[in-house]
Amino acid sequence: FFFHAHDGIRDPLWSRGLGDVYKRQTCMDARFDPAKALGFEEGDAHVIRNAGGRVTDDAIRSLVVSHKLLGTIEWILIQHTDCGMQKISDETIAKLLEDDLETASFDGKSWSNNNNAKSENSKPGSKEGHKINWYTFSSLKQSMTEDLKIIKNHSLIPSNIKIHGFIYEVSSGKLIKIEDYK
């Protein structure tokens, strides 16, 4: 999701007008390697990842700590195409969890519980999933736009922080500026 590079490190993004101290937020999807996509080496940056790369209260907490305690001055928000959080709704996740806590399946169109034999570690389903905001979304561009607005307008985020938004296109491996994403 966001990067924090150590002071004094320059990277390929520098030539694109991005500074040298980063915090990056991105989705937890294993198809996307944030450091590799931006040319960072191990230890150059901190990466915050969550399902959907969404700006949640915990993401804000991490951003504030990164700036206030670590000196981060530039942040990059990255979400990606073909995201699982775009293929499900909060209500569907909650209903799946209400039925059981085993792993669900996606058939390309919808999610369902497998009705597999339960393991000895299985627990019955729970209605607690209805109390959680799962941060699902239907429009990637709208999700990014909303999340960037949350960051830029948050009362704990200084106005001098540079914030950039990118979409990672899974099929091509390209990073696309949110302004250029169709």
N, C-alpha and C. Protein backbone atom coordinates (compact mmCIF):
# COMPACT_ATOMS: atom_id res chain seq x y z
N PHE A 1 0.82 -1.17 0.00
CA PHE A 1 0.00 0.00 0.00
C PHE A 1 0.86 1.23 0.00
N PHE A 2 1.63 1.59 1.00
CA PHE A 2 2.52 2.77 0.93
C PHE A 2 3.94 2.39 1.30
N PHE A 3 4.91 3.11 0.75
CA PHE A 3 6.33 2.85 1.01
C PHE A 3 6.94 3.91 1.91
N HIS A 4 7.90 3.51 2.66
CA HIS A 4 8.79 4.46 3.34
C HIS A 4 10.21 4.05 3.00
N ALA A 5 10.88 4.83 2.19
CA ALA A 5 12.28 4.55 1.85
C ALA A 5 13.17 5.30 2.83
N HIS A 6 14.28 4.72 3.14
CA HIS A 6 15.21 5.36 4.07
C HIS A 6 15.78 6.63 3.45
N ASP A 7 16.09 7.59 4.30
CA ASP A 7 16.63 8.88 3.83
C ASP A 7 17.83 8.68 2.92
N GLY A 8 17.87 9.48 1.85
CA GLY A 8 19.02 9.48 0.97
C GLY A 8 18.99 8.46 -0.15
N ILE A 9 18.02 7.57 -0.15
CA ILE A 9 17.97 6.56 -1.20
C ILE A 9 17.22 7.11 -2.40
N ARG A 10 17.80 7.01 -3.56
CA ARG A 10 17.15 7.41 -4.80
C ARG A 10 16.75 6.14 -5.53
N ASP A 11 15.69 6.20 -6.28
CA ASP A 11 15.21 5.02 -6.96
C ASP A 11 14.64 5.41 -8.32
N PRO A 12 14.18 4.43 -9.12
CA PRO A 12 13.65 4.73 -10.45
C PRO A 12 12.49 5.73 -10.44
N LEU A 13 11.74 5.83 -9.34
CA LEU A 13 10.64 6.77 -9.30
C LEU A 13 11.13 8.21 -9.26
N TRP A 14 12.35 8.41 -8.80
CA TRP A 14 12.88 9.77 -8.71
C TRP A 14 12.83 10.45 -10.07
N SER A 15 13.15 9.71 -11.11
CA SER A 15 13.17 10.28 -12.46
C SER A 15 11.76 10.64 -12.95
N ARG A 16 10.73 10.10 -12.28
CA ARG A 16 9.35 10.43 -12.64
C ARG A 16 8.80 11.54 -11.76
N GLY A 17 9.67 12.18 -10.99
CA GLY A 17 9.23 13.31 -10.18
C GLY A 17 8.73 12.93 -8.80
N LEU A 18 8.95 11.70 -8.39
CA LEU A 18 8.55 11.30 -7.04
C LEU A 18 9.77 11.38 -6.15
N GLY A 19 9.57 11.78 -4.92
CA GLY A 19 10.67 12.01 -3.99
C GLY A 19 11.33 10.75 -3.48
N ASP A 20 12.14 10.90 -2.44
CA ASP A 20 12.94 9.77 -1.99
C ASP A 20 12.54 9.22 -0.64
N VAL A 21 11.46 9.67 -0.05
CA VAL A 21 10.98 9.09 1.19
C VAL A 21 9.53 8.70 0.98
N TYR A 22 9.25 7.39 1.00
CA TYR A 22 7.95 6.88 0.60
C TYR A 22 7.26 6.06 1.67
N LYS A 23 5.96 6.07 1.58
CA LYS A 23 5.12 5.13 2.29
C LYS A 23 4.15 4.64 1.24
N ARG A 24 3.94 3.35 1.12
CA ARG A 24 3.06 2.86 0.08
C ARG A 24 2.05 1.88 0.64
N GLN A 25 0.81 2.01 0.20
CA GLN A 25 -0.27 1.11 0.56
C GLN A 25 -0.70 0.37 -0.68
N THR A 26 -0.84 -0.95 -0.57
CA THR A 26 -1.27 -1.75 -1.72
C THR A 26 -2.05 -2.96 -1.24
N CYS A 27 -2.68 -3.62 -2.17
CA CYS A 27 -3.44 -4.83 -1.87
C CYS A 27 -2.48 -5.95 -1.48
N MET A 28 -3.02 -6.94 -0.77
CA MET A 28 -2.20 -8.06 -0.32
C MET A 28 -2.07 -9.14 -1.39
N ASP A 29 -2.66 -8.95 -2.55
CA ASP A 29 -2.63 -9.94 -3.63
C ASP A 29 -1.19 -10.31 -3.98
N ALA A 30 -0.90 -11.60 -3.98
CA ALA A 30 0.47 -12.09 -4.20
C ALA A 30 0.94 -11.91 -5.64
N ARG A 31 0.04 -11.59 -6.58
CA ARG A 31 0.45 -11.37 -7.97
C ARG A 31 1.20 -10.06 -8.13
N PHE A 32 1.12 -9.19 -7.14
CA PHE A 32 1.76 -7.88 -7.21
C PHE A 32 2.86 -7.78 -6.18
N ASP A 33 4.08 -7.56 -6.65
CA ASP A 33 5.24 -7.35 -5.77
C ASP A 33 5.56 -5.86 -5.80
N PRO A 34 5.10 -5.12 -4.78
CA PRO A 34 5.26 -3.67 -4.79
C PRO A 34 6.71 -3.20 -4.92
N ALA A 35 7.62 -3.83 -4.22
CA ALA A 35 9.02 -3.40 -4.28
C ALA A 35 9.58 -3.60 -5.69
N LYS A 36 9.31 -4.75 -6.27
CA LYS A 36 9.80 -5.04 -7.61
C LYS A 36 9.21 -4.08 -8.64
N ALA A 37 7.91 -3.79 -8.52
CA ALA A 37 7.24 -2.91 -9.48
C ALA A 37 7.82 -1.50 -9.47
N LEU A 38 8.33 -1.08 -8.32
CA LEU A 38 8.86 0.27 -8.20
C LEU A 38 10.38 0.33 -8.16
N GLY A 39 11.02 -0.82 -8.31
CA GLY A 39 12.47 -0.84 -8.37
C GLY A 39 13.17 -0.72 -7.03
N PHE A 40 12.48 -1.04 -5.95
CA PHE A 40 13.09 -0.98 -4.62
C PHE A 40 13.77 -2.29 -4.29
N GLU A 41 14.79 -2.21 -3.46
CA GLU A 41 15.48 -3.38 -2.94
C GLU A 41 14.94 -3.64 -1.53
N GLU A 42 15.19 -4.83 -1.03
CA GLU A 42 14.78 -5.16 0.33
C GLU A 42 15.39 -4.16 1.30
N GLY A 43 14.58 -3.65 2.20
CA GLY A 43 15.04 -2.68 3.18
C GLY A 43 14.87 -1.23 2.76
N ASP A 44 14.54 -0.98 1.49
CA ASP A 44 14.35 0.39 1.02
C ASP A 44 13.04 1.00 1.48
N ALA A 45 12.05 0.16 1.77
CA ALA A 45 10.71 0.70 1.99
C ALA A 45 9.90 -0.17 2.94
N HIS A 46 8.95 0.46 3.58
CA HIS A 46 7.92 -0.26 4.33
C HIS A 46 6.70 -0.34 3.44
N VAL A 47 6.02 -1.46 3.45
CA VAL A 47 4.82 -1.62 2.65
C VAL A 47 3.67 -2.02 3.57
N ILE A 48 2.58 -1.31 3.46
CA ILE A 48 1.36 -1.66 4.19
C ILE A 48 0.44 -2.34 3.19
N ARG A 49 -0.01 -3.53 3.51
CA ARG A 49 -0.90 -4.26 2.59
C ARG A 49 -2.14 -4.71 3.33
N ASN A 50 -3.25 -4.67 2.63
CA ASN A 50 -4.49 -5.25 3.15
C ASN A 50 -5.36 -5.67 1.98
N ALA A 51 -6.43 -6.36 2.27
CA ALA A 51 -7.34 -6.82 1.22
C ALA A 51 -7.93 -5.62 0.49
N GLY A 52 -7.66 -5.51 -0.79
CA GLY A 52 -8.18 -4.42 -1.60
C GLY A 52 -7.31 -3.18 -1.64
N GLY A 53 -6.26 -3.13 -0.80
CA GLY A 53 -5.41 -1.94 -0.76
C GLY A 53 -6.18 -0.71 -0.31
N ARG A 54 -7.18 -0.92 0.54
CA ARG A 54 -8.08 0.15 0.93
C ARG A 54 -7.54 0.97 2.10
N VAL A 55 -7.98 2.22 2.16
CA VAL A 55 -7.59 3.13 3.23
C VAL A 55 -8.59 2.94 4.38
N THR A 56 -8.19 2.12 5.32
CA THR A 56 -8.99 1.82 6.51
C THR A 56 -8.46 2.63 7.68
N ASP A 57 -9.13 2.54 8.82
CA ASP A 57 -8.62 3.22 10.03
C ASP A 57 -7.22 2.73 10.37
N ASP A 58 -6.96 1.44 10.20
CA ASP A 58 -5.64 0.92 10.52
C ASP A 58 -4.59 1.43 9.54
N ALA A 59 -4.98 1.59 8.27
CA ALA A 59 -4.04 2.15 7.28
C ALA A 59 -3.70 3.60 7.65
N ILE A 60 -4.71 4.37 8.04
CA ILE A 60 -4.48 5.76 8.47
C ILE A 60 -3.53 5.77 9.67
N ARG A 61 -3.76 4.88 10.63
CA ARG A 61 -2.90 4.79 11.80
C ARG A 61 -1.45 4.57 11.37
N SER A 62 -1.24 3.64 10.46
CA SER A 62 0.12 3.34 9.99
C SER A 62 0.73 4.51 9.23
N LEU A 63 -0.07 5.20 8.43
CA LEU A 63 0.42 6.37 7.69
C LEU A 63 0.86 7.47 8.64
N VAL A 64 0.04 7.73 9.64
CA VAL A 64 0.35 8.79 10.61
C VAL A 64 1.63 8.44 11.37
N VAL A 65 1.75 7.20 11.81
CA VAL A 65 2.97 6.78 12.52
C VAL A 65 4.18 6.91 11.59
N SER A 66 4.02 6.50 10.34
CA SER A 66 5.13 6.57 9.39
C SER A 66 5.62 8.00 9.20
N HIS A 67 4.69 8.94 9.12
CA HIS A 67 5.10 10.34 8.96
C HIS A 67 5.63 10.91 10.28
N LYS A 68 4.84 10.78 11.32
CA LYS A 68 5.16 11.43 12.59
C LYS A 68 6.44 10.87 13.23
N LEU A 69 6.63 9.55 13.15
CA LEU A 69 7.77 8.93 13.83
C LEU A 69 8.92 8.55 12.91
N LEU A 70 8.63 8.38 11.60
CA LEU A 70 9.67 7.94 10.68
C LEU A 70 10.02 8.96 9.60
N GLY A 71 9.27 10.05 9.54
CA GLY A 71 9.61 11.12 8.62
C GLY A 71 9.15 10.94 7.18
N THR A 72 8.21 10.07 6.93
CA THR A 72 7.72 9.87 5.57
C THR A 72 7.11 11.16 5.03
N ILE A 73 7.48 11.53 3.81
CA ILE A 73 6.97 12.78 3.24
C ILE A 73 6.23 12.57 1.91
N GLU A 74 6.21 11.33 1.43
CA GLU A 74 5.55 11.06 0.15
C GLU A 74 4.94 9.66 0.20
N TRP A 75 3.68 9.56 -0.23
CA TRP A 75 2.96 8.29 -0.16
C TRP A 75 2.43 7.91 -1.53
N ILE A 76 2.36 6.60 -1.76
CA ILE A 76 1.84 6.07 -3.01
C ILE A 76 0.76 5.05 -2.68
N LEU A 77 -0.43 5.29 -3.17
CA LEU A 77 -1.53 4.34 -3.02
C LEU A 77 -1.64 3.55 -4.31
N ILE A 78 -1.61 2.22 -4.19
CA ILE A 78 -1.71 1.35 -5.36
C ILE A 78 -2.80 0.32 -5.12
N GLN A 79 -3.75 0.27 -6.03
CA GLN A 79 -4.73 -0.81 -6.07
C GLN A 79 -4.56 -1.49 -7.42
N HIS A 80 -5.21 -2.62 -7.64
CA HIS A 80 -4.94 -3.36 -8.88
C HIS A 80 -6.21 -3.87 -9.54
N THR A 81 -6.08 -4.14 -10.83
CA THR A 81 -7.17 -4.73 -11.60
C THR A 81 -7.37 -6.17 -11.13
N ASP A 82 -8.51 -6.73 -11.44
CA ASP A 82 -8.83 -8.12 -11.14
C ASP A 82 -8.73 -8.42 -9.65
N CYS A 83 -9.12 -7.47 -8.82
CA CYS A 83 -9.05 -7.63 -7.36
C CYS A 83 -10.24 -8.43 -6.85
N GLY A 84 -9.96 -9.37 -5.98
CA GLY A 84 -11.02 -10.18 -5.38
C GLY A 84 -12.04 -9.37 -4.60
N MET A 85 -11.61 -8.26 -4.02
CA MET A 85 -12.53 -7.43 -3.23
C MET A 85 -13.53 -6.70 -4.12
N GLN A 86 -13.28 -6.69 -5.42
CA GLN A 86 -14.21 -6.11 -6.37
C GLN A 86 -15.21 -7.17 -6.85
N LYS A 87 -14.97 -8.42 -6.50
CA LYS A 87 -15.80 -9.53 -6.96
C LYS A 87 -16.73 -10.07 -5.89
N ILE A 88 -16.84 -9.34 -4.79
CA ILE A 88 -17.67 -9.78 -3.68
C ILE A 88 -18.23 -8.54 -2.98
N SER A 89 -19.29 -8.71 -2.23
CA SER A 89 -19.87 -7.61 -1.46
C SER A 89 -19.68 -7.88 0.03
N ASP A 90 -19.80 -6.83 0.81
CA ASP A 90 -19.72 -6.99 2.27
C ASP A 90 -20.78 -7.99 2.75
N GLU A 91 -21.97 -7.89 2.20
CA GLU A 91 -23.06 -8.77 2.59
C GLU A 91 -22.76 -10.23 2.25
N THR A 92 -22.18 -10.49 1.10
CA THR A 92 -21.85 -11.86 0.71
C THR A 92 -20.79 -12.45 1.64
N ILE A 93 -19.75 -11.67 1.96
CA ILE A 93 -18.73 -12.16 2.89
C ILE A 93 -19.38 -12.51 4.22
N ALA A 94 -20.22 -11.61 4.72
CA ALA A 94 -20.87 -11.84 6.02
C ALA A 94 -21.73 -13.10 5.99
N LYS A 95 -22.47 -13.31 4.89
CA LYS A 95 -23.32 -14.51 4.78
C LYS A 95 -22.48 -15.78 4.71
N LEU A 96 -21.38 -15.74 3.97
CA LEU A 96 -20.50 -16.91 3.91
C LEU A 96 -19.96 -17.26 5.29
N LEU A 97 -19.56 -16.25 6.04
CA LEU A 97 -19.04 -16.47 7.40
C LEU A 97 -20.12 -16.94 8.37
N GLU A 98 -21.34 -16.51 8.13
CA GLU A 98 -22.45 -16.92 8.98
C GLU A 98 -22.71 -18.43 8.82
N ASP A 99 -22.52 -18.94 7.61
CA ASP A 99 -22.72 -20.37 7.36
C ASP A 99 -21.62 -21.22 7.98
N ASP A 100 -20.37 -20.89 7.70
CA ASP A 100 -19.24 -21.60 8.30
C ASP A 100 -17.97 -20.77 8.12
N LEU A 101 -16.90 -21.20 8.76
CA LEU A 101 -15.64 -20.46 8.73
C LEU A 101 -14.59 -21.11 7.85
N GLU A 102 -14.97 -22.13 7.11
CA GLU A 102 -14.05 -22.80 6.18
C GLU A 102 -13.84 -21.91 4.96
N THR A 103 -12.82 -22.18 4.17
CA THR A 103 -12.51 -21.41 2.98
C THR A 103 -13.61 -21.57 1.94
N ALA A 104 -14.02 -20.46 1.36
CA ALA A 104 -15.06 -20.46 0.32
C ALA A 104 -14.41 -20.61 -1.06
N SER A 105 -15.25 -20.80 -2.08
CA SER A 105 -14.77 -20.96 -3.46
C SER A 105 -15.41 -19.92 -4.36
N PHE A 106 -14.66 -19.52 -5.39
CA PHE A 106 -15.15 -18.59 -6.40
C PHE A 106 -15.15 -19.32 -7.73
N ASP A 107 -16.30 -19.38 -8.39
CA ASP A 107 -16.42 -20.12 -9.66
C ASP A 107 -16.26 -19.23 -10.88
N GLY A 108 -15.80 -17.99 -10.67
CA GLY A 108 -15.66 -17.03 -11.75
C GLY A 108 -16.82 -16.06 -11.82
N LYS A 109 -17.92 -16.42 -11.15
CA LYS A 109 -19.11 -15.55 -11.13
C LYS A 109 -19.57 -15.25 -9.71
N SER A 110 -19.52 -16.24 -8.84
CA SER A 110 -20.01 -16.03 -7.48
C SER A 110 -19.23 -16.87 -6.47
N TRP A 111 -19.35 -16.44 -5.23
CA TRP A 111 -18.69 -17.12 -4.11
C TRP A 111 -19.67 -18.07 -3.44
N SER A 112 -19.17 -19.19 -2.95
CA SER A 112 -20.02 -20.13 -2.20
C SER A 112 -19.17 -20.90 -1.21
N ASN A 113 -19.84 -21.38 -0.18
CA ASN A 113 -19.17 -22.27 0.75
C ASN A 113 -19.08 -23.64 0.10
N ASN A 114 -18.05 -24.37 0.41
CA ASN A 114 -17.79 -25.65 -0.26
C ASN A 114 -18.59 -26.81 0.27
N ASN A 115 -19.15 -26.67 1.44
CA ASN A 115 -19.86 -27.77 2.09
C ASN A 115 -18.97 -29.01 2.19
N ASN A 116 -17.67 -28.76 2.33
CA ASN A 116 -16.73 -29.87 2.49
C ASN A 116 -16.85 -30.42 3.90
N ALA A 117 -16.29 -31.58 4.09
CA ALA A 117 -16.24 -32.14 5.43
C ALA A 117 -15.45 -31.18 6.31
N LYS A 118 -15.95 -30.93 7.48
CA LYS A 118 -15.29 -30.01 8.40
C LYS A 118 -14.09 -30.69 9.04
N SER A 119 -13.07 -29.92 9.30
CA SER A 119 -11.90 -30.46 9.99
C SER A 119 -12.15 -30.42 11.50
N GLU A 120 -11.27 -31.05 12.23
CA GLU A 120 -11.43 -31.04 13.69
C GLU A 120 -11.21 -29.64 14.26
N ASN A 121 -10.61 -28.76 13.48
CA ASN A 121 -10.39 -27.39 13.93
C ASN A 121 -11.51 -26.44 13.52
N SER A 122 -12.51 -26.95 12.82
CA SER A 122 -13.59 -26.09 12.35
C SER A 122 -14.39 -25.51 13.50
N LYS A 123 -14.86 -24.30 13.26
CA LYS A 123 -15.78 -23.65 14.18
C LYS A 123 -17.08 -23.44 13.42
N PRO A 124 -18.19 -23.34 14.11
CA PRO A 124 -19.43 -23.02 13.41
C PRO A 124 -19.36 -21.58 12.88
N GLY A 125 -20.24 -21.26 11.96
CA GLY A 125 -20.27 -19.91 11.43
C GLY A 125 -20.62 -18.90 12.51
N SER A 126 -20.49 -17.61 12.15
CA SER A 126 -20.74 -16.54 13.10
C SER A 126 -21.39 -15.36 12.40
N LYS A 127 -22.27 -14.68 13.11
CA LYS A 127 -22.91 -13.47 12.58
C LYS A 127 -22.03 -12.23 12.75
N GLU A 128 -20.88 -12.38 13.38
CA GLU A 128 -19.98 -11.25 13.62
C GLU A 128 -19.52 -10.58 12.32
N GLY A 129 -19.49 -11.33 11.23
CA GLY A 129 -19.07 -10.78 9.95
C GLY A 129 -19.95 -9.64 9.47
N HIS A 130 -21.20 -9.59 9.96
CA HIS A 130 -22.11 -8.51 9.57
C HIS A 130 -21.73 -7.19 10.23
N LYS A 131 -20.89 -7.23 11.26
CA LYS A 131 -20.49 -6.03 12.00
C LYS A 131 -19.22 -5.39 11.43
N ILE A 132 -18.61 -6.03 10.46
CA ILE A 132 -17.33 -5.57 9.92
C ILE A 132 -17.53 -4.89 8.57
N ASN A 133 -16.84 -3.76 8.38
CA ASN A 133 -16.79 -3.14 7.06
C ASN A 133 -15.66 -3.85 6.32
N TRP A 134 -16.00 -4.60 5.27
CA TRP A 134 -15.02 -5.38 4.53
C TRP A 134 -14.35 -4.57 3.43
N TYR A 135 -14.81 -3.36 3.18
CA TYR A 135 -14.22 -2.46 2.19
C TYR A 135 -14.21 -3.06 0.78
N THR A 136 -15.29 -3.76 0.43
CA THR A 136 -15.42 -4.24 -0.94
C THR A 136 -15.79 -3.04 -1.81
N PHE A 137 -15.66 -3.21 -3.14
CA PHE A 137 -15.97 -2.10 -4.04
C PHE A 137 -16.39 -2.64 -5.39
N SER A 138 -17.10 -1.83 -6.15
CA SER A 138 -17.53 -2.25 -7.48
C SER A 138 -16.77 -1.53 -8.59
N SER A 139 -16.24 -0.34 -8.31
CA SER A 139 -15.49 0.44 -9.30
C SER A 139 -14.09 0.72 -8.77
N LEU A 140 -13.09 0.23 -9.49
CA LEU A 140 -11.69 0.43 -9.08
C LEU A 140 -11.32 1.91 -9.06
N LYS A 141 -11.67 2.63 -10.10
CA LYS A 141 -11.34 4.06 -10.17
C LYS A 141 -12.03 4.82 -9.05
N GLN A 142 -13.29 4.50 -8.78
CA GLN A 142 -14.03 5.17 -7.70
C GLN A 142 -13.41 4.84 -6.34
N SER A 143 -13.03 3.58 -6.15
CA SER A 143 -12.38 3.17 -4.90
C SER A 143 -11.11 3.97 -4.66
N MET A 144 -10.27 4.06 -5.70
CA MET A 144 -9.02 4.82 -5.60
C MET A 144 -9.29 6.29 -5.32
N THR A 145 -10.23 6.86 -6.05
CA THR A 145 -10.54 8.28 -5.88
C THR A 145 -11.02 8.57 -4.46
N GLU A 146 -11.90 7.72 -3.94
CA GLU A 146 -12.41 7.89 -2.57
C GLU A 146 -11.28 7.75 -1.55
N ASP A 147 -10.43 6.74 -1.73
CA ASP A 147 -9.36 6.52 -0.76
C ASP A 147 -8.33 7.64 -0.77
N LEU A 148 -8.00 8.15 -1.97
CA LEU A 148 -7.08 9.29 -2.04
C LEU A 148 -7.68 10.51 -1.35
N LYS A 149 -8.97 10.71 -1.52
CA LYS A 149 -9.66 11.84 -0.87
C LYS A 149 -9.63 11.69 0.65
N ILE A 150 -9.84 10.47 1.14
CA ILE A 150 -9.79 10.22 2.59
C ILE A 150 -8.43 10.62 3.14
N ILE A 151 -7.37 10.18 2.46
CA ILE A 151 -6.01 10.51 2.92
C ILE A 151 -5.78 12.01 2.89
N LYS A 152 -6.08 12.63 1.77
CA LYS A 152 -5.80 14.06 1.60
C LYS A 152 -6.59 14.94 2.57
N ASN A 153 -7.78 14.49 2.98
CA ASN A 153 -8.64 15.31 3.84
C ASN A 153 -8.61 14.90 5.31
N HIS A 154 -7.81 13.91 5.66
CA HIS A 154 -7.81 13.43 7.05
C HIS A 154 -7.15 14.46 7.96
N SER A 155 -7.76 14.69 9.10
CA SER A 155 -7.28 15.72 10.03
C SER A 155 -5.91 15.41 10.64
N LEU A 156 -5.47 14.17 10.59
CA LEU A 156 -4.17 13.81 11.15
C LEU A 156 -3.06 13.75 10.10
N ILE A 157 -3.39 14.08 8.87
CA ILE A 157 -2.41 14.02 7.78
C ILE A 157 -2.04 15.43 7.35
N PRO A 158 -0.77 15.80 7.47
CA PRO A 158 -0.36 17.15 7.08
C PRO A 158 -0.55 17.40 5.59
N SER A 159 -0.83 18.63 5.25
CA SER A 159 -1.10 18.98 3.85
C SER A 159 0.15 18.95 2.97
N ASN A 160 1.34 18.92 3.57
CA ASN A 160 2.57 18.91 2.77
C ASN A 160 2.97 17.51 2.30
N ILE A 161 2.26 16.47 2.71
CA ILE A 161 2.55 15.10 2.26
C ILE A 161 2.16 14.99 0.79
N LYS A 162 3.07 14.52 -0.04
CA LYS A 162 2.77 14.28 -1.45
C LYS A 162 2.12 12.91 -1.56
N ILE A 163 0.97 12.85 -2.23
CA ILE A 163 0.21 11.61 -2.34
C ILE A 163 -0.04 11.30 -3.81
N HIS A 164 0.29 10.07 -4.21
CA HIS A 164 0.13 9.64 -5.59
C HIS A 164 -0.75 8.40 -5.63
N GLY A 165 -1.54 8.24 -6.68
CA GLY A 165 -2.38 7.07 -6.85
C GLY A 165 -2.06 6.36 -8.15
N PHE A 166 -1.92 5.03 -8.07
CA PHE A 166 -1.65 4.22 -9.24
C PHE A 166 -2.54 2.98 -9.24
N ILE A 167 -2.85 2.52 -10.44
CA ILE A 167 -3.51 1.23 -10.63
C ILE A 167 -2.46 0.30 -11.21
N TYR A 168 -2.31 -0.87 -10.59
CA TYR A 168 -1.44 -1.90 -11.14
C TYR A 168 -2.30 -2.78 -12.04
N GLU A 169 -1.96 -2.81 -13.32
CA GLU A 169 -2.70 -3.61 -14.29
C GLU A 169 -2.09 -5.02 -14.30
N VAL A 170 -2.82 -5.97 -13.72
CA VAL A 170 -2.30 -7.32 -13.55
C VAL A 170 -1.91 -7.96 -14.88
N SER A 171 -2.72 -7.79 -15.91
CA SER A 171 -2.47 -8.45 -17.19
C SER A 171 -1.19 -7.98 -17.88
N SER A 172 -0.84 -6.71 -17.70
CA SER A 172 0.35 -6.17 -18.38
C SER A 172 1.53 -5.95 -17.45
N GLY A 173 1.27 -5.91 -16.14
CA GLY A 173 2.33 -5.61 -15.18
C GLY A 173 2.67 -4.13 -15.10
N LYS A 174 1.83 -3.28 -15.69
CA LYS A 174 2.11 -1.84 -15.72
C LYS A 174 1.43 -1.11 -14.57
N LEU A 175 2.10 -0.07 -14.10
CA LEU A 175 1.52 0.87 -13.16
C LEU A 175 0.97 2.05 -13.93
N ILE A 176 -0.28 2.38 -13.71
CA ILE A 176 -0.95 3.45 -14.44
C ILE A 176 -1.38 4.53 -13.44
N LYS A 177 -1.01 5.77 -13.70
CA LYS A 177 -1.45 6.87 -12.83
C LYS A 177 -2.97 6.89 -12.81
N ILE A 178 -3.56 7.15 -11.66
CA ILE A 178 -5.01 7.14 -11.53
C ILE A 178 -5.65 8.12 -12.53
N GLU A 179 -4.99 9.24 -12.80
CA GLU A 179 -5.53 10.22 -13.73
C GLU A 179 -5.62 9.65 -15.15
N ASP A 180 -4.76 8.69 -15.48
CA ASP A 180 -4.71 8.11 -16.82
C ASP A 180 -5.50 6.82 -16.96
N TYR A 181 -6.03 6.32 -15.83
CA TYR A 181 -6.75 5.04 -15.85
C TYR A 181 -8.16 5.25 -16.39
N LYS A 182 -8.56 4.40 -17.32
CA LYS A 182 -9.90 4.53 -17.92
C LYS A 182 -10.96 3.84 -17.11
